[in-house]
């Protein structure tokens, strides 16, 4: 499971950078602290499905793109 969390975080970071967004940009949209996004990207946090859906919307991508 840890590998899945790590891969998800890598996908979030890759997409965020492609869209020229900072962790702060994403955190403002989600209403969370920037360090929460950092933890997700580093595989230290295991976000809920609802949070994953919010991240997808904030990045303007499908859920599938984030979790593949």
Protein backbone atom coordinates (compact mmCIF):
# COMPACT_ATOMS: atom_id res chain seq x y z
CA UNK A 1 0.00 0.00 0.00
CA UNK A 2 2.84 2.42 0.76
CA UNK A 3 4.00 2.12 -2.86
CA UNK A 4 0.52 3.20 -4.01
CA UNK A 5 0.60 6.25 -1.73
CA UNK A 6 4.09 7.16 -2.96
CA UNK A 7 3.11 6.79 -6.64
CA UNK A 8 -0.02 8.88 -6.10
CA UNK A 9 2.10 11.64 -4.56
CA UNK A 10 4.49 11.55 -7.49
CA UNK A 11 1.57 11.90 -9.90
CA UNK A 12 0.21 14.89 -7.98
CA UNK A 13 3.59 16.61 -8.07
CA UNK A 14 4.18 15.85 -11.77
CA UNK A 15 0.78 17.20 -12.81
CA UNK A 16 1.05 20.22 -10.49
CA UNK A 17 4.41 21.18 -11.98
CA UNK A 18 3.15 20.70 -15.57
CA UNK A 19 0.37 23.17 -14.75
CA UNK A 20 2.89 25.63 -13.24
CA UNK A 21 1.16 25.52 -9.88
CA UNK A 22 2.89 25.77 -6.53
CA UNK A 23 2.00 23.68 -3.51
CA UNK A 24 0.64 26.91 -2.09
CA UNK A 25 -1.68 27.34 -5.08
CA UNK A 26 -3.13 23.87 -4.60
CA UNK A 27 -3.40 24.25 -0.84
CA UNK A 28 -5.34 27.51 -1.20
CA UNK A 29 -7.84 25.88 -3.56
CA UNK A 30 -8.29 22.94 -1.16
CA UNK A 31 -8.30 25.05 2.00
CA UNK A 32 -5.45 23.11 3.60
CA UNK A 33 -1.95 23.99 4.73
CA UNK A 34 0.85 23.80 2.17
CA UNK A 35 2.66 21.20 4.25
CA UNK A 36 -0.30 18.84 3.78
CA UNK A 37 0.24 18.92 0.00
CA UNK A 38 3.96 18.44 0.56
CA UNK A 39 3.25 15.36 2.69
CA UNK A 40 1.01 13.91 -0.01
CA UNK A 41 3.63 14.47 -2.70
CA UNK A 42 6.32 12.82 -0.58
CA UNK A 43 4.12 9.81 0.17
CA UNK A 44 3.87 10.61 3.86
CA UNK A 45 0.11 11.22 3.85
CA UNK A 46 -2.61 8.85 2.75
CA UNK A 47 -5.46 11.14 1.64
CA UNK A 48 -9.08 10.04 1.68
CA UNK A 49 -10.95 9.39 -1.54
CA UNK A 50 -12.82 12.67 -1.10
CA UNK A 51 -9.53 14.55 -0.76
CA UNK A 52 -8.18 12.80 -3.85
CA UNK A 53 -11.26 13.94 -5.74
CA UNK A 54 -10.71 17.53 -4.56
CA UNK A 55 -7.06 17.39 -5.62
CA UNK A 56 -8.09 16.17 -9.08
CA UNK A 57 -10.53 19.06 -9.42
CA UNK A 58 -7.94 21.57 -8.18
CA UNK A 59 -5.47 20.30 -10.79
CA UNK A 60 -8.12 20.10 -13.50
CA UNK A 61 -7.59 16.38 -14.19
CA UNK A 62 -9.59 13.19 -13.85
CA UNK A 63 -9.31 10.89 -10.85
CA UNK A 64 -7.99 8.23 -13.19
CA UNK A 65 -5.07 10.42 -14.26
CA UNK A 66 -4.02 10.90 -10.64
CA UNK A 67 -4.20 7.28 -9.61
CA UNK A 68 -2.81 5.51 -12.66
